[in-house]
């Protein structure tokens, strides 16, 4: 297994990116976006998770099969979040249609 040496400059850039995204999360929390607050927060969190996976878990230097496995895991997570949100959104419809 080959070892990749990452320069310190890269780690400082990743740290700066994560701090900027954290500041963006705090700034987005102070703005009232209605129902989009959760969507914006999850999008920013997804970006931060992507940065951590790509740099700290060394996926950028991984074999193609490892990258495919990571992509499949992320795709599965997105599918599950879509199903979860569709269930959550449609819960009120059942009660209203039956007169509850």
PDB file of N, CA and C in Angstrom:
ATOM      1  N   UNK A   1       0.843  -1.174   0.000  1.00  0.00           N
ATOM      2  CA  UNK A   1       0.000   0.000   0.000  1.00  0.00           C
ATOM      3  C   UNK A   1       0.886   1.233   0.000  1.00  0.00           C
ATOM      4  N   UNK A   2       0.639   2.125  -0.927  1.00  0.00           N
ATOM      5  CA  UNK A   2       1.454   3.331  -1.019  1.00  0.00           C
ATOM      6  C   UNK A   2       0.969   4.365  -0.008  1.00  0.00           C
ATOM      7  N   UNK A   3       1.918   5.124   0.479  1.00  0.00           N
ATOM      8  CA  UNK A   3       1.602   6.156   1.464  1.00  0.00           C
ATOM      9  C   UNK A   3       1.713   7.524   0.798  1.00  0.00           C
ATOM     10  N   UNK A   4       0.711   8.350   0.988  1.00  0.00           N
ATOM     11  CA  UNK A   4       0.704   9.688   0.425  1.00  0.00           C
ATOM     12  C   UNK A   4       0.994  10.678   1.534  1.00  0.00           C
ATOM     13  N   UNK A   5       1.907  11.586   1.261  1.00  0.00           N
ATOM     14  CA  UNK A   5       2.251  12.617   2.226  1.00  0.00           C
ATOM     15  C   UNK A   5       1.504  13.891   1.836  1.00  0.00           C
ATOM     16  N   UNK A   6       0.644  14.323   2.728  1.00  0.00           N
ATOM     17  CA  UNK A   6      -0.145  15.525   2.475  1.00  0.00           C
ATOM     18  C   UNK A   6       0.563  16.715   3.106  1.00  0.00           C
ATOM     19  N   UNK A   7       0.786  17.776   2.340  1.00  0.00           N
ATOM     20  CA  UNK A   7       1.452  18.952   2.917  1.00  0.00           C
ATOM     21  C   UNK A   7       0.568  19.652   3.944  1.00  0.00           C
ATOM     22  N   UNK A   8       1.234  20.350   4.853  1.00  0.00           N
ATOM     23  CA  UNK A   8       0.503  21.066   5.905  1.00  0.00           C
ATOM     24  C   UNK A   8      -0.414  22.141   5.327  1.00  0.00           C
ATOM     25  N   UNK A   9      -0.021  22.699   4.191  1.00  0.00           N
ATOM     26  CA  UNK A   9      -0.830  23.738   3.548  1.00  0.00           C
ATOM     27  C   UNK A   9      -2.233  23.221   3.226  1.00  0.00           C
ATOM     28  N   UNK A  10      -2.317  21.963   2.835  1.00  0.00           N
ATOM     29  CA  UNK A  10      -3.614  21.367   2.528  1.00  0.00           C
ATOM     30  C   UNK A  10      -4.473  21.271   3.781  1.00  0.00           C
ATOM     31  N   UNK A  11      -3.872  20.850   4.878  1.00  0.00           N
ATOM     32  CA  UNK A  11      -4.625  20.737   6.132  1.00  0.00           C
ATOM     33  C   UNK A  11      -5.097  22.106   6.631  1.00  0.00           C
ATOM     34  N   UNK A  12      -4.273  23.130   6.449  1.00  0.00           N
ATOM     35  CA  UNK A  12      -4.700  24.473   6.839  1.00  0.00           C
ATOM     36  C   UNK A  12      -5.840  24.961   5.946  1.00  0.00           C
ATOM     37  N   UNK A  13      -5.778  24.632   4.662  1.00  0.00           N
ATOM     38  CA  UNK A  13      -6.858  25.012   3.751  1.00  0.00           C
ATOM     39  C   UNK A  13      -8.156  24.293   4.114  1.00  0.00           C
ATOM     40  N   UNK A  14      -8.055  23.010   4.479  1.00  0.00           N
ATOM     41  CA  UNK A  14      -9.241  22.250   4.896  1.00  0.00           C
ATOM     42  C   UNK A  14      -9.804  22.833   6.185  1.00  0.00           C
ATOM     43  N   UNK A  15      -8.935  23.171   7.117  1.00  0.00           N
ATOM     44  CA  UNK A  15      -9.387  23.785   8.369  1.00  0.00           C
ATOM     45  C   UNK A  15     -10.105  25.107   8.087  1.00  0.00           C
ATOM     46  N   UNK A  16      -9.525  25.938   7.221  1.00  0.00           N
ATOM     47  CA  UNK A  16     -10.159  27.203   6.867  1.00  0.00           C
ATOM     48  C   UNK A  16     -11.517  27.000   6.204  1.00  0.00           C
ATOM     49  N   UNK A  17     -11.603  25.991   5.342  1.00  0.00           N
ATOM     50  CA  UNK A  17     -12.874  25.680   4.684  1.00  0.00           C
ATOM     51  C   UNK A  17     -13.925  25.248   5.696  1.00  0.00           C
ATOM     52  N   UNK A  18     -13.535  24.380   6.616  1.00  0.00           N
ATOM     53  CA  UNK A  18     -14.486  23.911   7.633  1.00  0.00           C
ATOM     54  C   UNK A  18     -14.920  25.049   8.555  1.00  0.00           C
ATOM     55  N   UNK A  19     -13.999  25.949   8.897  1.00  0.00           N
ATOM     56  CA  UNK A  19     -14.374  27.091   9.733  1.00  0.00           C
ATOM     57  C   UNK A  19     -15.299  28.043   8.977  1.00  0.00           C
ATOM     58  N   UNK A  20     -15.038  28.249   7.684  1.00  0.00           N
ATOM     59  CA  UNK A  20     -15.911  29.108   6.881  1.00  0.00           C
ATOM     60  C   UNK A  20     -17.306  28.505   6.766  1.00  0.00           C
ATOM     61  N   UNK A  21     -17.380  27.194   6.579  1.00  0.00           N
ATOM     62  CA  UNK A  21     -18.689  26.545   6.501  1.00  0.00           C
ATOM     63  C   UNK A  21     -19.411  26.575   7.851  1.00  0.00           C
ATOM     64  N   UNK A  22     -18.660  26.503   8.941  1.00  0.00           N
ATOM     65  CA  UNK A  22     -19.269  26.623  10.263  1.00  0.00           C
ATOM     66  C   UNK A  22     -19.824  28.036  10.466  1.00  0.00           C
ATOM     67  N   UNK A  23     -19.063  29.045  10.049  1.00  0.00           N
ATOM     68  CA  UNK A  23     -19.550  30.426  10.135  1.00  0.00           C
ATOM     69  C   UNK A  23     -20.789  30.617   9.263  1.00  0.00           C
ATOM     70  N   UNK A  24     -20.799  29.969   8.086  1.00  0.00           N
ATOM     71  CA  UNK A  24     -21.967  30.044   7.217  1.00  0.00           C
ATOM     72  C   UNK A  24     -23.182  29.379   7.865  1.00  0.00           C
ATOM     73  N   UNK A  25     -22.952  28.301   8.588  1.00  0.00           N
ATOM     74  CA  UNK A  25     -24.042  27.638   9.308  1.00  0.00           C
ATOM     75  C   UNK A  25     -24.623  28.561  10.374  1.00  0.00           C
ATOM     76  N   UNK A  26     -23.758  29.221  11.118  1.00  0.00           N
ATOM     77  CA  UNK A  26     -24.220  30.150  12.154  1.00  0.00           C
ATOM     78  C   UNK A  26     -24.966  31.327  11.525  1.00  0.00           C
ATOM     79  N   UNK A  27     -24.442  31.838  10.416  1.00  0.00           N
ATOM     80  CA  UNK A  27     -25.108  32.959   9.743  1.00  0.00           C
ATOM     81  C   UNK A  27     -26.460  32.530   9.184  1.00  0.00           C
ATOM     82  N   UNK A  28     -26.539  31.337   8.645  1.00  0.00           N
ATOM     83  CA  UNK A  28     -27.809  30.855   8.099  1.00  0.00           C
ATOM     84  C   UNK A  28     -28.834  30.616   9.199  1.00  0.00           C
ATOM     85  N   UNK A  29     -28.365  30.290  10.387  1.00  0.00           N
ATOM     86  CA  UNK A  29     -29.286  30.051  11.496  1.00  0.00           C
ATOM     87  C   UNK A  29     -29.930  31.350  11.984  1.00  0.00           C
ATOM     88  N   UNK A  30     -29.289  32.473  11.738  1.00  0.00           N
ATOM     89  CA  UNK A  30     -29.851  33.745  12.197  1.00  0.00           C
ATOM     90  C   UNK A  30     -30.854  34.329  11.205  1.00  0.00           C
ATOM     91  N   UNK A  31     -30.899  33.766   9.993  1.00  0.00           N
ATOM     92  CA  UNK A  31     -31.818  34.252   8.961  1.00  0.00           C
ATOM     93  C   UNK A  31     -33.054  33.362   8.948  1.00  0.00           C
ATOM     94  N   UNK A  32     -34.229  33.988   8.936  1.00  0.00           N
ATOM     95  CA  UNK A  32     -35.460  33.212   8.899  1.00  0.00           C
ATOM     96  C   UNK A  32     -35.808  32.877   7.451  1.00  0.00           C
ATOM     97  N   UNK A  33     -35.615  31.622   7.094  1.00  0.00           N
ATOM     98  CA  UNK A  33     -35.917  31.158   5.745  1.00  0.00           C
ATOM     99  C   UNK A  33     -37.180  30.306   5.696  1.00  0.00           C
ATOM    100  N   UNK A  34     -37.891  30.264   6.774  1.00  0.00           N
ATOM    101  CA  UNK A  34     -39.108  29.455   6.840  1.00  0.00           C
ATOM    102  C   UNK A  34     -38.773  27.978   6.835  1.00  0.00           C
ATOM    103  N   UNK A  35     -39.375  27.259   5.897  1.00  0.00           N
ATOM    104  CA  UNK A  35     -39.152  25.820   5.824  1.00  0.00           C
ATOM    105  C   UNK A  35     -37.808  25.435   5.224  1.00  0.00           C
ATOM    106  N   UNK A  36     -37.092  26.411   4.671  1.00  0.00           N
ATOM    107  CA  UNK A  36     -35.805  26.109   4.049  1.00  0.00           C
ATOM    108  C   UNK A  36     -34.637  26.110   5.032  1.00  0.00           C
ATOM    109  N   UNK A  37     -34.866  26.495   6.283  1.00  0.00           N
ATOM    110  CA  UNK A  37     -33.772  26.492   7.264  1.00  0.00           C
ATOM    111  C   UNK A  37     -33.138  25.115   7.393  1.00  0.00           C
ATOM    112  N   UNK A  38     -33.969  24.095   7.461  1.00  0.00           N
ATOM    113  CA  UNK A  38     -33.450  22.730   7.598  1.00  0.00           C
ATOM    114  C   UNK A  38     -32.709  22.300   6.346  1.00  0.00           C
ATOM    115  N   UNK A  39     -33.237  22.646   5.192  1.00  0.00           N
ATOM    116  CA  UNK A  39     -32.599  22.275   3.925  1.00  0.00           C
ATOM    117  C   UNK A  39     -31.221  22.925   3.809  1.00  0.00           C
ATOM    118  N   UNK A  40     -31.129  24.204   4.149  1.00  0.00           N
ATOM    119  CA  UNK A  40     -29.851  24.913   4.078  1.00  0.00           C
ATOM    120  C   UNK A  40     -28.864  24.326   5.078  1.00  0.00           C
ATOM    121  N   UNK A  41     -29.323  24.057   6.294  1.00  0.00           N
ATOM    122  CA  UNK A  41     -28.436  23.484   7.305  1.00  0.00           C
ATOM    123  C   UNK A  41     -27.931  22.102   6.882  1.00  0.00           C
ATOM    124  N   UNK A  42     -28.801  21.281   6.303  1.00  0.00           N
ATOM    125  CA  UNK A  42     -28.369  19.961   5.845  1.00  0.00           C
ATOM    126  C   UNK A  42     -27.424  20.047   4.654  1.00  0.00           C
ATOM    127  N   UNK A  43     -27.626  21.009   3.784  1.00  0.00           N
ATOM    128  CA  UNK A  43     -26.730  21.183   2.643  1.00  0.00           C
ATOM    129  C   UNK A  43     -25.327  21.590   3.098  1.00  0.00           C
ATOM    130  N   UNK A  44     -25.261  22.508   4.051  1.00  0.00           N
ATOM    131  CA  UNK A  44     -23.963  22.926   4.579  1.00  0.00           C
ATOM    132  C   UNK A  44     -23.298  21.769   5.317  1.00  0.00           C
ATOM    133  N   UNK A  45     -24.071  21.032   6.095  1.00  0.00           N
ATOM    134  CA  UNK A  45     -23.517  19.873   6.810  1.00  0.00           C
ATOM    135  C   UNK A  45     -23.028  18.810   5.830  1.00  0.00           C
ATOM    136  N   UNK A  46     -23.738  18.640   4.728  1.00  0.00           N
ATOM    137  CA  UNK A  46     -23.297  17.690   3.710  1.00  0.00           C
ATOM    138  C   UNK A  46     -21.980  18.107   3.078  1.00  0.00           C
ATOM    139  N   UNK A  47     -21.820  19.410   2.844  1.00  0.00           N
ATOM    140  CA  UNK A  47     -20.548  19.912   2.310  1.00  0.00           C
ATOM    141  C   UNK A  47     -19.401  19.672   3.288  1.00  0.00           C
ATOM    142  N   UNK A  48     -19.661  19.930   4.562  1.00  0.00           N
ATOM    143  CA  UNK A  48     -18.619  19.694   5.562  1.00  0.00           C
ATOM    144  C   UNK A  48     -18.271  18.210   5.656  1.00  0.00           C
ATOM    145  N   UNK A  49     -19.272  17.357   5.600  1.00  0.00           N
ATOM    146  CA  UNK A  49     -19.010  15.912   5.632  1.00  0.00           C
ATOM    147  C   UNK A  49     -18.220  15.479   4.401  1.00  0.00           C
ATOM    148  N   UNK A  50     -18.540  16.064   3.252  1.00  0.00           N
ATOM    149  CA  UNK A  50     -17.800  15.740   2.042  1.00  0.00           C
ATOM    150  C   UNK A  50     -16.334  16.130   2.129  1.00  0.00           C
ATOM    151  N   UNK A  51     -16.056  17.303   2.697  1.00  0.00           N
ATOM    152  CA  UNK A  51     -14.671  17.740   2.868  1.00  0.00           C
ATOM    153  C   UNK A  51     -13.922  16.792   3.802  1.00  0.00           C
ATOM    154  N   UNK A  52     -14.559  16.413   4.894  1.00  0.00           N
ATOM    155  CA  UNK A  52     -13.922  15.495   5.847  1.00  0.00           C
ATOM    156  C   UNK A  52     -13.666  14.134   5.209  1.00  0.00           C
ATOM    157  N   UNK A  53     -14.649  13.616   4.490  1.00  0.00           N
ATOM    158  CA  UNK A  53     -14.477  12.317   3.839  1.00  0.00           C
ATOM    159  C   UNK A  53     -13.375  12.378   2.792  1.00  0.00           C
ATOM    160  N   UNK A  54     -13.355  13.425   1.978  1.00  0.00           N
ATOM    161  CA  UNK A  54     -12.409  13.517   0.875  1.00  0.00           C
ATOM    162  C   UNK A  54     -10.968  13.673   1.365  1.00  0.00           C
ATOM    163  N   UNK A  55     -10.753  14.513   2.384  1.00  0.00           N
ATOM    164  CA  UNK A  55      -9.387  14.790   2.821  1.00  0.00           C
ATOM    165  C   UNK A  55      -8.937  13.936   4.004  1.00  0.00           C
ATOM    166  N   UNK A  56      -9.713  13.862   5.076  1.00  0.00           N
ATOM    167  CA  UNK A  56      -9.252  13.178   6.273  1.00  0.00           C
ATOM    168  C   UNK A  56      -9.398  11.666   6.193  1.00  0.00           C
ATOM    169  N   UNK A  57     -10.345  11.188   5.411  1.00  0.00           N
ATOM    170  CA  UNK A  57     -10.488   9.744   5.238  1.00  0.00           C
ATOM    171  C   UNK A  57      -9.724   9.264   4.010  1.00  0.00           C
ATOM    172  N   UNK A  58      -8.999  10.184   3.374  1.00  0.00           N
ATOM    173  CA  UNK A  58      -8.108   9.877   2.253  1.00  0.00           C
ATOM    174  C   UNK A  58      -8.808   9.192   1.082  1.00  0.00           C
ATOM    175  N   UNK A  59     -10.048   9.543   0.830  1.00  0.00           N
ATOM    176  CA  UNK A  59     -10.769   8.960  -0.306  1.00  0.00           C
ATOM    177  C   UNK A  59     -10.183   9.463  -1.622  1.00  0.00           C
ATOM    178  N   UNK A  60      -9.587  10.622  -1.620  1.00  0.00           N
ATOM    179  CA  UNK A  60      -9.015  11.153  -2.861  1.00  0.00           C
ATOM    180  C   UNK A  60      -7.840  10.328  -3.352  1.00  0.00           C
ATOM    181  N   UNK A  61      -7.181   9.578  -2.473  1.00  0.00           N
ATOM    182  CA  UNK A  61      -6.063   8.711  -2.863  1.00  0.00           C
ATOM    183  C   UNK A  61      -6.466   7.244  -2.884  1.00  0.00           C
ATOM    184  N   UNK A  62      -7.736   6.962  -2.724  1.00  0.00           N
ATOM    185  CA  UNK A  62      -8.196   5.575  -2.609  1.00  0.00           C
ATOM    186  C   UNK A  62      -8.354   4.932  -3.986  1.00  0.00           C
ATOM    187  N   UNK A  63      -8.509   3.634  -3.954  1.00  0.00           N
ATOM    188  CA  UNK A  63      -8.747   2.873  -5.179  1.00  0.00           C
ATOM    189  C   UNK A  63     -10.152   3.171  -5.701  1.00  0.00           C
ATOM    190  N   UNK A  64     -10.380   2.902  -6.983  1.00  0.00           N
ATOM    191  CA  UNK A  64     -11.718   3.162  -7.553  1.00  0.00           C
ATOM    192  C   UNK A  64     -12.839   2.385  -6.859  1.00  0.00           C
ATOM    193  N   UNK A  65     -12.563   1.181  -6.407  1.00  0.00           N
ATOM    194  CA  UNK A  65     -13.605   0.406  -5.729  1.00  0.00           C
ATOM    195  C   UNK A  65     -13.994   1.060  -4.396  1.00  0.00           C
ATOM    196  N   UNK A  66     -13.029   1.629  -3.709  1.00  0.00           N
ATOM    197  CA  UNK A  66     -13.329   2.331  -2.462  1.00  0.00           C
ATOM    198  C   UNK A  66     -14.161   3.577  -2.743  1.00  0.00           C
ATOM    199  N   UNK A  67     -13.817   4.297  -3.796  1.00  0.00           N
ATOM    200  CA  UNK A  67     -14.598   5.478  -4.168  1.00  0.00           C
ATOM    201  C   UNK A  67     -16.024   5.094  -4.547  1.00  0.00           C
ATOM    202  N   UNK A  68     -16.167   3.988  -5.253  1.00  0.00           N
ATOM    203  CA  UNK A  68     -17.499   3.512  -5.625  1.00  0.00           C
ATOM    204  C   UNK A  68     -18.302   3.144  -4.379  1.00  0.00           C
ATOM    205  N   UNK A  69     -17.658   2.527  -3.408  1.00  0.00           N
ATOM    206  CA  UNK A  69     -18.337   2.159  -2.166  1.00  0.00           C
ATOM    207  C   UNK A  69     -18.787   3.400  -1.396  1.00  0.00           C
ATOM    208  N   UNK A  70     -17.936   4.407  -1.348  1.00  0.00           N
ATOM    209  CA  UNK A  70     -18.306   5.660  -0.674  1.00  0.00           C
ATOM    210  C   UNK A  70     -19.470   6.322  -1.408  1.00  0.00           C
ATOM    211  N   UNK A  71     -19.402   6.356  -2.728  1.00  0.00           N
ATOM    212  CA  UNK A  71     -20.483   6.964  -3.512  1.00  0.00           C
ATOM    213  C   UNK A  71     -21.794   6.206  -3.327  1.00  0.00           C
ATOM    214  N   UNK A  72     -21.722   4.875  -3.273  1.00  0.00           N
ATOM    215  CA  UNK A  72     -22.936   4.078  -3.065  1.00  0.00           C
ATOM    216  C   UNK A  72     -23.523   4.338  -1.677  1.00  0.00           C
ATOM    217  N   UNK A  73     -22.665   4.484  -0.683  1.00  0.00           N
ATOM    218  CA  UNK A  73     -23.150   4.794   0.664  1.00  0.00           C
ATOM    219  C   UNK A  73     -23.827   6.150   0.730  1.00  0.00           C
ATOM    220  N   UNK A  74     -23.252   7.133   0.057  1.00  0.00           N
ATOM    221  CA  UNK A  74     -23.851   8.471   0.036  1.00  0.00           C
ATOM    222  C   UNK A  74     -25.171   8.449  -0.723  1.00  0.00           C
ATOM    223  N   UNK A  75     -25.195   7.737  -1.850  1.00  0.00           N
ATOM    224  CA  UNK A  75     -26.438   7.617  -2.613  1.00  0.00           C
ATOM    225  C   UNK A  75     -27.531   6.959  -1.773  1.00  0.00           C
ATOM    226  N   UNK A  76     -27.187   5.914  -1.042  1.00  0.00           N
ATOM    227  CA  UNK A  76     -28.153   5.237  -0.187  1.00  0.00           C
ATOM    228  C   UNK A  76     -28.656   6.176   0.912  1.00  0.00           C
ATOM    229  N   UNK A  77     -27.772   6.964   1.489  1.00  0.00           N
ATOM    230  CA  UNK A  77     -28.181   7.935   2.502  1.00  0.00           C
ATOM    231  C   UNK A  77     -29.157   8.951   1.927  1.00  0.00           C
ATOM    232  N   UNK A  78     -28.884   9.435   0.713  1.00  0.00           N
ATOM    233  CA  UNK A  78     -29.779  10.397   0.073  1.00  0.00           C
ATOM    234  C   UNK A  78     -31.147   9.773  -0.178  1.00  0.00           C
ATOM    235  N   UNK A  79     -31.164   8.530  -0.654  1.00  0.00           N
ATOM    236  CA  UNK A  79     -32.435   7.841  -0.878  1.00  0.00           C
ATOM    237  C   UNK A  79     -33.222   7.721   0.429  1.00  0.00           C
ATOM    238  N   UNK A  80     -32.558   7.337   1.492  1.00  0.00           N
ATOM    239  CA  UNK A  80     -33.240   7.188   2.780  1.00  0.00           C
ATOM    240  C   UNK A  80     -33.752   8.533   3.306  1.00  0.00           C
ATOM    241  N   UNK A  81     -32.981   9.613   3.118  1.00  0.00           N
ATOM    242  CA  UNK A  81     -33.440  10.929   3.552  1.00  0.00           C
ATOM    243  C   UNK A  81     -34.642  11.394   2.741  1.00  0.00           C
ATOM    244  N   UNK A  82     -34.655  11.091   1.446  1.00  0.00           N
ATOM    245  CA  UNK A  82     -35.807  11.451   0.618  1.00  0.00           C
ATOM    246  C   UNK A  82     -37.046  10.687   1.075  1.00  0.00           C
ATOM    247  N   UNK A  83     -36.902   9.398   1.334  1.00  0.00           N
ATOM    248  CA  UNK A  83     -38.044   8.609   1.807  1.00  0.00           C
ATOM    249  C   UNK A  83     -38.522   9.084   3.172  1.00  0.00           C
ATOM    250  N   UNK A  84     -37.577   9.410   4.048  1.00  0.00           N
ATOM    251  CA  UNK A  84     -37.934   9.910   5.374  1.00  0.00           C
ATOM    252  C   UNK A  84     -38.683  11.232   5.271  1.00  0.00           C
ATOM    253  N   UNK A  85     -38.174  12.144   4.451  1.00  0.00           N
ATOM    254  CA  UNK A  85     -38.835  13.447   4.344  1.00  0.00           C
ATOM    255  C   UNK A  85     -40.195  13.337   3.658  1.00  0.00           C
ATOM    256  N   UNK A  86     -40.332  12.445   2.690  1.00  0.00           N
ATOM    257  CA  UNK A  86     -41.642  12.290   2.052  1.00  0.00           C
ATOM    258  C   UNK A  86     -42.661  11.714   3.035  1.00  0.00           C
ATOM    259  N   UNK A  87     -42.224  10.821   3.903  1.00  0.00           N
ATOM    260  CA  UNK A  87     -43.123  10.293   4.928  1.00  0.00           C
ATOM    261  C   UNK A  87     -43.507  11.388   5.916  1.00  0.00           C
ATOM    262  N   UNK A  88     -42.536  12.173   6.334  1.00  0.00           N
ATOM    263  CA  UNK A  88     -42.798  13.237   7.301  1.00  0.00           C
ATOM    264  C   UNK A  88     -43.729  14.293   6.725  1.00  0.00           C
ATOM    265  N   UNK A  89     -43.509  14.670   5.464  1.00  0.00           N
ATOM    266  CA  UNK A  89     -44.327  15.703   4.839  1.00  0.00           C
ATOM    267  C   UNK A  89     -45.765  15.228   4.634  1.00  0.00           C
ATOM    268  N   UNK A  90     -45.942  13.958   4.309  1.00  0.00           N
ATOM    269  CA  UNK A  90     -47.284  13.461   3.992  1.00  0.00           C
ATOM    270  C   UNK A  90     -48.090  13.045   5.223  1.00  0.00           C
ATOM    271  N   UNK A  91     -47.557  13.117   6.390  1.00  0.00           N
ATOM    272  CA  UNK A  91     -48.294  12.695   7.588  1.00  0.00           C
ATOM    273  C   UNK A  91     -49.534  13.528   7.847  1.00  0.00           C
ATOM    274  N   UNK A  92     -49.479  14.808   7.600  1.00  0.00           N
ATOM    275  CA  UNK A  92     -50.633  15.671   7.849  1.00  0.00           C
ATOM    276  C   UNK A  92     -51.763  15.452   6.868  1.00  0.00           C
ATOM    277  N   UNK A  93     -51.459  14.950   5.684  1.00  0.00           N
ATOM    278  CA  UNK A  93     -52.490  14.757   4.669  1.00  0.00           C
ATOM    279  C   UNK A  93     -53.491  13.680   5.079  1.00  0.00           C
ATOM    280  N   UNK A  94     -53.041  12.641   5.717  1.00  0.00           N
ATOM    281  CA  UNK A  94     -53.914  11.551   6.109  1.00  0.00           C
ATOM    282  C   UNK A  94     -54.962  12.034   7.111  1.00  0.00           C
ATOM    283  N   UNK A  95     -54.543  12.794   8.101  1.00  0.00           N
ATOM    284  CA  UNK A  95     -55.467  13.282   9.107  1.00  0.00           C
ATOM    285  C   UNK A  95     -56.486  14.256   8.548  1.00  0.00           C
ATOM    286  N   UNK A  96     -56.076  15.120   7.635  1.00  0.00           N
ATOM    287  CA  UNK A  96     -56.975  16.105   7.059  1.00  0.00           C
ATOM    288  C   UNK A  96     -57.998  15.460   6.131  1.00  0.00           C
ATOM    289  N   UNK A  97     -57.592  14.423   5.396  1.00  0.00           N
ATOM    290  CA  UNK A  97     -58.506  13.824   4.440  1.00  0.00           C
ATOM    291  C   UNK A  97     -59.585  12.969   5.139  1.00  0.00           C
ATOM    292  N   UNK A  98     -59.302  12.493   6.333  1.00  0.00           N
ATOM    293  CA  UNK A  98     -60.288  11.674   7.048  1.00  0.00           C
ATOM    294  C   UNK A  98     -61.021  12.471   8.094  1.00  0.00           C
ATOM    295  N   UNK A  99     -60.804  13.764   8.151  1.00  0.00           N
ATOM    296  CA  UNK A  99     -61.559  14.613   9.054  1.00  0.00           C
ATOM    297  C   UNK A  99     -61.084  14.573  10.492  1.00  0.00           C
ATOM    298  N   UNK A 100     -59.829  14.247  10.734  1.00  0.00           N
ATOM    299  CA  UNK A 100     -59.312  14.217  12.103  1.00  0.00           C
ATOM    300  C   UNK A 100     -59.038  15.569  12.607  1.00  0.00           C
TER     301      UNK A 100
END
